[in-house]
Structure formats: C-alpha cells, structure tokens
C-alpha cells in the first residue's frame, strides 16, 4: 500500500480512501457507513457520541468498542440516555469494555438531554450546516480539511444548545460520517456517480 494519501486498491482490487485499508474493521466501516446520509435523530446522536469518544484516540478503538457502547447506551436512544444519572455514569466507568472517560460519558448523557430539546431534531440541525459543494473532489487525504467554517458554526450552535465534546474537528468528522459532506477521494469506488 502506498502512503501518498491517494485512494489505494484493496485486496479485492477496489480503490478506497487510504485510511480504510488499515484494518478489516475500518474497511467495513468505510464501505458500509462512512459518508452515507443519516437523517434520523437516533443515528445522528450515535455518530456525534462516537466522534466525541474518538477525541484523542484512534477511530479503530471506537469501532471496536462500539458494540459495547451501543449496548450500554441503549442503542444511543436519546430518550433512554437522557434518563441516566450519576449512578449510571459510575456503572459505565467500571465497565472495561468501554472507553472509560468520565467527561466523555457525561457528555453523552448531557448531549442526549440537549438533543431532545432541539426544535426540529438533531439530524435536521446538523444538515442545516451543509457546506457548499467543493469545486472538485479531493485527490489525497491532505486535501480533506479537519474543520470548515460550517463545522465551526455547527459546533458553536451545538454548544449554545448545551452539547459538550463537539468542537469544530469533532463536528466536521460527524458531518463526514453522516454524509452531510462526501469526502471520499476522487478515485475511491464509493464516490457517488
């Protein structure tokens, strides 16, 4: 595999975004989820929560912890998570299957409550920050931004509404993951026709 940041062929011959070829887990996520439009609130809440958990960690760590995170956060149902109290946070802090960061776990609970208070819902709010299409699709990973003015504005709006762990980089990763922007590299087989 070349490390020039361009789309590379996998073992099946399909060209994919460079980062997707590191592990089977990342390849599956790239091929089935990353950049696919998410329009419902529960799925959007999950993606924002997962991106918050990723801060300072590898995405692979989050992917591998995801089944346990889904289990303990009731499928990331904001209604169920919003009911969590201090005892629930303590219980999750003792669960070795999870990313045991108190600020991140508390942020998921806080964000569930904030999500329930959004007029129109979380997914609609995120999609309201869709950036203008780029003049051309990125050829290399280095051409994909870590933040955009729209992700900065989304992060600011979410924080105003009470969300935590949603800075501009996390917000941009969430809009990439949920198909609000399509950052598949130009030669990636997932590029929409």
C-alpha atoms as a PDB file:
ATOM      1  CA  UNK A   1       0.000   0.000   0.000  1.00  0.00           C
ATOM      2  CA  UNK A   2       1.363   3.405  -0.959  1.00  0.00           C
ATOM      3  CA  UNK A   3       1.418   6.073   1.716  1.00  0.00           C
ATOM      4  CA  UNK A   4       0.896   9.051  -0.601  1.00  0.00           C
ATOM      5  CA  UNK A   5      -2.630   9.621   0.745  1.00  0.00           C
ATOM      6  CA  UNK A   6      -4.428   8.754  -2.502  1.00  0.00           C
ATOM      7  CA  UNK A   7      -7.113   6.111  -2.928  1.00  0.00           C
ATOM      8  CA  UNK A   8      -5.463   2.685  -2.954  1.00  0.00           C
ATOM      9  CA  UNK A   9      -6.583  -0.728  -4.195  1.00  0.00           C
ATOM     10  CA  UNK A  10      -7.659  -3.228  -1.568  1.00  0.00           C
ATOM     11  CA  UNK A  11      -7.199  -6.983  -1.790  1.00  0.00           C
ATOM     12  CA  UNK A  12     -10.402  -7.097  -3.873  1.00  0.00           C
ATOM     13  CA  UNK A  13      -8.957  -4.594  -6.366  1.00  0.00           C
ATOM     14  CA  UNK A  14     -11.381  -1.805  -5.415  1.00  0.00           C
ATOM     15  CA  UNK A  15      -9.763   1.565  -4.777  1.00  0.00           C
ATOM     16  CA  UNK A  16     -10.605   3.054  -1.385  1.00  0.00           C
ATOM     17  CA  UNK A  17      -9.747   6.061   0.713  1.00  0.00           C
ATOM     18  CA  UNK A  18      -6.248   5.477   2.083  1.00  0.00           C
ATOM     19  CA  UNK A  19      -7.288   5.223   5.754  1.00  0.00           C
ATOM     20  CA  UNK A  20      -9.810   2.434   5.069  1.00  0.00           C
ATOM     21  CA  UNK A  21      -7.191  -0.179   4.221  1.00  0.00           C
ATOM     22  CA  UNK A  22      -5.503  -0.359   7.624  1.00  0.00           C
ATOM     23  CA  UNK A  23      -7.822  -2.976   9.176  1.00  0.00           C
ATOM     24  CA  UNK A  24     -10.857  -5.071   8.301  1.00  0.00           C
ATOM     25  CA  UNK A  25     -12.939  -3.032  10.773  1.00  0.00           C
ATOM     26  CA  UNK A  26     -12.043   0.265   9.107  1.00  0.00           C
ATOM     27  CA  UNK A  27     -12.583  -1.187   5.627  1.00  0.00           C
ATOM     28  CA  UNK A  28     -16.067  -2.398   6.583  1.00  0.00           C
ATOM     29  CA  UNK A  29     -16.943   0.958   8.162  1.00  0.00           C
ATOM     30  CA  UNK A  30     -15.688   2.825   5.076  1.00  0.00           C
ATOM     31  CA  UNK A  31     -17.575   0.575   2.669  1.00  0.00           C
ATOM     32  CA  UNK A  32     -20.889   0.438   4.518  1.00  0.00           C
ATOM     33  CA  UNK A  33     -21.288   3.583   6.649  1.00  0.00           C
ATOM     34  CA  UNK A  34     -18.824   6.429   6.229  1.00  0.00           C
ATOM     35  CA  UNK A  35     -20.385   9.163   4.158  1.00  0.00           C
ATOM     36  CA  UNK A  36     -23.810   7.513   3.952  1.00  0.00           C
ATOM     37  CA  UNK A  37     -26.596  10.012   4.625  1.00  0.00           C
ATOM     38  CA  UNK A  38     -28.018   9.822   8.145  1.00  0.00           C
ATOM     39  CA  UNK A  39     -31.380  11.570   8.524  1.00  0.00           C
ATOM     40  CA  UNK A  40     -32.814  10.233  11.785  1.00  0.00           C
ATOM     41  CA  UNK A  41     -32.064  11.673  15.201  1.00  0.00           C
ATOM     42  CA  UNK A  42     -31.023   8.469  16.959  1.00  0.00           C
ATOM     43  CA  UNK A  43     -28.440   7.547  14.302  1.00  0.00           C
ATOM     44  CA  UNK A  44     -27.157  11.118  14.251  1.00  0.00           C
ATOM     45  CA  UNK A  45     -26.887  11.110  18.046  1.00  0.00           C
ATOM     46  CA  UNK A  46     -24.868   7.892  17.900  1.00  0.00           C
ATOM     47  CA  UNK A  47     -22.440   9.314  15.318  1.00  0.00           C
ATOM     48  CA  UNK A  48     -21.877  12.500  17.327  1.00  0.00           C
ATOM     49  CA  UNK A  49     -21.364  10.452  20.501  1.00  0.00           C
ATOM     50  CA  UNK A  50     -18.868   8.158  18.757  1.00  0.00           C
ATOM     51  CA  UNK A  51     -16.946  11.090  17.309  1.00  0.00           C
ATOM     52  CA  UNK A  52     -16.774  12.568  20.813  1.00  0.00           C
ATOM     53  CA  UNK A  53     -15.423   9.288  22.164  1.00  0.00           C
ATOM     54  CA  UNK A  54     -12.795   9.308  19.416  1.00  0.00           C
ATOM     55  CA  UNK A  55     -11.192  12.571  20.574  1.00  0.00           C
ATOM     56  CA  UNK A  56      -7.600  11.712  21.428  1.00  0.00           C
ATOM     57  CA  UNK A  57      -7.995   8.064  20.409  1.00  0.00           C
ATOM     58  CA  UNK A  58      -7.855   6.097  17.182  1.00  0.00           C
ATOM     59  CA  UNK A  59     -11.046   5.540  15.237  1.00  0.00           C
ATOM     60  CA  UNK A  60     -10.253   1.828  15.344  1.00  0.00           C
ATOM     61  CA  UNK A  61     -10.531   1.902  19.140  1.00  0.00           C
ATOM     62  CA  UNK A  62     -14.009   3.421  18.850  1.00  0.00           C
ATOM     63  CA  UNK A  63     -15.108   0.922  16.205  1.00  0.00           C
ATOM     64  CA  UNK A  64     -14.020  -1.987  18.358  1.00  0.00           C
ATOM     65  CA  UNK A  65     -15.756  -0.572  21.458  1.00  0.00           C
ATOM     66  CA  UNK A  66     -18.896   0.339  19.504  1.00  0.00           C
ATOM     67  CA  UNK A  67     -20.920  -2.841  20.221  1.00  0.00           C
ATOM     68  CA  UNK A  68     -20.474  -2.362  23.978  1.00  0.00           C
ATOM     69  CA  UNK A  69     -21.180   1.366  23.697  1.00  0.00           C
ATOM     70  CA  UNK A  70     -24.383   0.612  21.802  1.00  0.00           C
ATOM     71  CA  UNK A  71     -25.378  -1.893  24.467  1.00  0.00           C
ATOM     72  CA  UNK A  72     -24.830   0.343  27.491  1.00  0.00           C
ATOM     73  CA  UNK A  73     -26.304   3.454  25.839  1.00  0.00           C
ATOM     74  CA  UNK A  74     -29.459   1.578  24.749  1.00  0.00           C
ATOM     75  CA  UNK A  75     -28.675   1.815  21.054  1.00  0.00           C
ATOM     76  CA  UNK A  76     -27.938   5.511  21.568  1.00  0.00           C
ATOM     77  CA  UNK A  77     -31.602   6.226  22.137  1.00  0.00           C
ATOM     78  CA  UNK A  78     -31.507   9.837  23.380  1.00  0.00           C
ATOM     79  CA  UNK A  79     -34.688   9.359  25.432  1.00  0.00           C
ATOM     80  CA  UNK A  80     -33.191   6.435  27.363  1.00  0.00           C
ATOM     81  CA  UNK A  81     -29.759   8.050  27.745  1.00  0.00           C
ATOM     82  CA  UNK A  82     -31.264  11.337  28.944  1.00  0.00           C
ATOM     83  CA  UNK A  83     -32.602   9.435  31.983  1.00  0.00           C
ATOM     84  CA  UNK A  84     -29.104   8.420  33.102  1.00  0.00           C
ATOM     85  CA  UNK A  85     -27.975   9.730  36.452  1.00  0.00           C
ATOM     86  CA  UNK A  86     -24.737   9.739  38.453  1.00  0.00           C
ATOM     87  CA  UNK A  87     -25.141   6.047  39.334  1.00  0.00           C
ATOM     88  CA  UNK A  88     -25.300   5.136  35.656  1.00  0.00           C
ATOM     89  CA  UNK A  89     -22.136   7.112  34.963  1.00  0.00           C
ATOM     90  CA  UNK A  90     -20.368   5.257  37.797  1.00  0.00           C
ATOM     91  CA  UNK A  91     -21.578   1.921  36.441  1.00  0.00           C
ATOM     92  CA  UNK A  92     -20.213   2.759  32.987  1.00  0.00           C
ATOM     93  CA  UNK A  93     -16.915   3.930  34.450  1.00  0.00           C
ATOM     94  CA  UNK A  94     -16.478   0.413  35.869  1.00  0.00           C
ATOM     95  CA  UNK A  95     -17.176  -1.349  32.559  1.00  0.00           C
ATOM     96  CA  UNK A  96     -13.852  -2.378  30.995  1.00  0.00           C
ATOM     97  CA  UNK A  97     -15.486  -2.890  27.593  1.00  0.00           C
ATOM     98  CA  UNK A  98     -15.966   0.862  27.235  1.00  0.00           C
ATOM     99  CA  UNK A  99     -13.905   3.969  26.707  1.00  0.00           C
ATOM    100  CA  UNK A 100     -13.867   4.931  30.367  1.00  0.00           C
ATOM    101  CA  UNK A 101     -13.527   8.664  30.190  1.00  0.00           C
ATOM    102  CA  UNK A 102     -15.825  10.355  32.689  1.00  0.00           C
ATOM    103  CA  UNK A 103     -16.022  13.616  30.691  1.00  0.00           C
ATOM    104  CA  UNK A 104     -16.924  11.708  27.514  1.00  0.00           C
ATOM    105  CA  UNK A 105     -19.529   9.519  29.218  1.00  0.00           C
ATOM    106  CA  UNK A 106     -21.052  12.539  30.959  1.00  0.00           C
ATOM    107  CA  UNK A 107     -21.064  14.387  27.626  1.00  0.00           C
ATOM    108  CA  UNK A 108     -23.142  11.621  26.020  1.00  0.00           C
ATOM    109  CA  UNK A 109     -25.741  11.972  28.775  1.00  0.00           C
ATOM    110  CA  UNK A 110     -25.708  15.775  28.596  1.00  0.00           C
ATOM    111  CA  UNK A 111     -25.907  15.669  24.795  1.00  0.00           C
ATOM    112  CA  UNK A 112     -28.886  13.290  24.899  1.00  0.00           C
ATOM    113  CA  UNK A 113     -30.783  15.783  27.028  1.00  0.00           C
ATOM    114  CA  UNK A 114     -29.773  18.656  24.772  1.00  0.00           C
ATOM    115  CA  UNK A 115     -30.740  16.695  21.641  1.00  0.00           C
ATOM    116  CA  UNK A 116     -34.253  16.167  22.971  1.00  0.00           C
ATOM    117  CA  UNK A 117     -34.667  19.922  23.332  1.00  0.00           C
ATOM    118  CA  UNK A 118     -33.733  20.788  19.745  1.00  0.00           C
ATOM    119  CA  UNK A 119     -36.625  22.159  17.706  1.00  0.00           C
ATOM    120  CA  UNK A 120     -36.838  20.045  14.574  1.00  0.00           C
ATOM    121  CA  UNK A 121     -34.411  17.457  15.939  1.00  0.00           C
ATOM    122  CA  UNK A 122     -30.693  16.793  15.893  1.00  0.00           C
ATOM    123  CA  UNK A 123     -30.416  15.435  12.355  1.00  0.00           C
ATOM    124  CA  UNK A 124     -32.167  18.457  10.903  1.00  0.00           C
ATOM    125  CA  UNK A 125     -29.890  20.805  12.835  1.00  0.00           C
ATOM    126  CA  UNK A 126     -26.748  19.061  11.595  1.00  0.00           C
ATOM    127  CA  UNK A 127     -27.969  19.070   7.988  1.00  0.00           C
ATOM    128  CA  UNK A 128     -28.689  22.800   8.297  1.00  0.00           C
ATOM    129  CA  UNK A 129     -24.883  23.264   8.298  1.00  0.00           C
ATOM    130  CA  UNK A 130     -24.276  21.582   4.953  1.00  0.00           C
ATOM    131  CA  UNK A 131     -21.389  23.363   3.242  1.00  0.00           C
ATOM    132  CA  UNK A 132     -21.411  24.436  -0.382  1.00  0.00           C
ATOM    133  CA  UNK A 133     -20.084  21.683  -2.645  1.00  0.00           C
ATOM    134  CA  UNK A 134     -16.374  21.849  -3.383  1.00  0.00           C
ATOM    135  CA  UNK A 135     -15.306  22.760  -6.903  1.00  0.00           C
ATOM    136  CA  UNK A 136     -13.513  19.399  -7.117  1.00  0.00           C
ATOM    137  CA  UNK A 137     -13.306  16.201  -5.125  1.00  0.00           C
ATOM    138  CA  UNK A 138     -10.130  15.680  -3.034  1.00  0.00           C
ATOM    139  CA  UNK A 139      -7.433  13.523  -4.634  1.00  0.00           C
ATOM    140  CA  UNK A 140      -5.439  12.960  -1.432  1.00  0.00           C
ATOM    141  CA  UNK A 141      -6.103  12.845   2.288  1.00  0.00           C
ATOM    142  CA  UNK A 142      -4.120  16.077   2.666  1.00  0.00           C
ATOM    143  CA  UNK A 143      -6.803  17.890   0.639  1.00  0.00           C
ATOM    144  CA  UNK A 144      -9.526  16.932   3.138  1.00  0.00           C
ATOM    145  CA  UNK A 145      -9.934  19.611   5.809  1.00  0.00           C
ATOM    146  CA  UNK A 146     -10.079  18.872   9.521  1.00  0.00           C
ATOM    147  CA  UNK A 147     -12.543  21.711  10.031  1.00  0.00           C
ATOM    148  CA  UNK A 148     -14.600  24.072   7.913  1.00  0.00           C
ATOM    149  CA  UNK A 149     -16.428  27.313   8.660  1.00  0.00           C
ATOM    150  CA  UNK A 150     -19.631  25.240   8.686  1.00  0.00           C
ATOM    151  CA  UNK A 151     -18.269  22.736  11.209  1.00  0.00           C
ATOM    152  CA  UNK A 152     -17.117  25.611  13.411  1.00  0.00           C
ATOM    153  CA  UNK A 153     -20.583  27.175  13.192  1.00  0.00           C
ATOM    154  CA  UNK A 154     -22.251  23.816  13.922  1.00  0.00           C
ATOM    155  CA  UNK A 155     -20.016  23.226  16.943  1.00  0.00           C
ATOM    156  CA  UNK A 156     -20.808  26.696  18.246  1.00  0.00           C
ATOM    157  CA  UNK A 157     -24.550  26.191  17.739  1.00  0.00           C
ATOM    158  CA  UNK A 158     -24.499  22.786  19.452  1.00  0.00           C
ATOM    159  CA  UNK A 159     -22.546  24.193  22.403  1.00  0.00           C
ATOM    160  CA  UNK A 160     -25.051  27.044  22.709  1.00  0.00           C
ATOM    161  CA  UNK A 161     -27.735  24.359  22.987  1.00  0.00           C
ATOM    162  CA  UNK A 162     -25.841  22.594  25.802  1.00  0.00           C
ATOM    163  CA  UNK A 163     -23.789  19.989  23.916  1.00  0.00           C
ATOM    164  CA  UNK A 164     -20.293  19.015  25.051  1.00  0.00           C
ATOM    165  CA  UNK A 165     -17.344  17.382  23.245  1.00  0.00           C
ATOM    166  CA  UNK A 166     -18.407  18.912  19.937  1.00  0.00           C
ATOM    167  CA  UNK A 167     -15.604  21.184  18.790  1.00  0.00           C
ATOM    168  CA  UNK A 168     -15.124  22.082  15.113  1.00  0.00           C
ATOM    169  CA  UNK A 169     -12.991  18.995  14.371  1.00  0.00           C
ATOM    170  CA  UNK A 170     -15.478  16.622  16.006  1.00  0.00           C
ATOM    171  CA  UNK A 171     -18.344  18.385  14.226  1.00  0.00           C
ATOM    172  CA  UNK A 172     -16.570  18.014  10.878  1.00  0.00           C
ATOM    173  CA  UNK A 173     -15.865  14.325  11.492  1.00  0.00           C
ATOM    174  CA  UNK A 174     -19.560  13.874  12.293  1.00  0.00           C
ATOM    175  CA  UNK A 175     -20.730  15.579   9.106  1.00  0.00           C
ATOM    176  CA  UNK A 176     -18.301  13.432   7.114  1.00  0.00           C
ATOM    177  CA  UNK A 177     -19.508  10.249   8.814  1.00  0.00           C
ATOM    178  CA  UNK A 178     -23.178  11.100   8.271  1.00  0.00           C
ATOM    179  CA  UNK A 179     -22.972  12.050   4.608  1.00  0.00           C
ATOM    180  CA  UNK A 180     -23.553  15.759   5.088  1.00  0.00           C
ATOM    181  CA  UNK A 181     -20.310  16.108   3.138  1.00  0.00           C
ATOM    182  CA  UNK A 182     -18.821  13.445   0.890  1.00  0.00           C
ATOM    183  CA  UNK A 183     -15.073  13.313   1.443  1.00  0.00           C
ATOM    184  CA  UNK A 184     -14.403  10.054  -0.383  1.00  0.00           C
ATOM    185  CA  UNK A 185     -11.319  10.624  -2.514  1.00  0.00           C
ATOM    186  CA  UNK A 186     -11.827  11.086  -6.242  1.00  0.00           C
ATOM    187  CA  UNK A 187     -10.552   7.586  -7.098  1.00  0.00           C
ATOM    188  CA  UNK A 188     -12.456   5.801  -4.306  1.00  0.00           C
ATOM    189  CA  UNK A 189     -15.039   3.299  -5.502  1.00  0.00           C
ATOM    190  CA  UNK A 190     -17.579   4.834  -3.080  1.00  0.00           C
ATOM    191  CA  UNK A 191     -17.699   8.149  -4.937  1.00  0.00           C
ATOM    192  CA  UNK A 192     -21.304   8.829  -5.868  1.00  0.00           C
ATOM    193  CA  UNK A 193     -21.891   8.612  -9.596  1.00  0.00           C
END
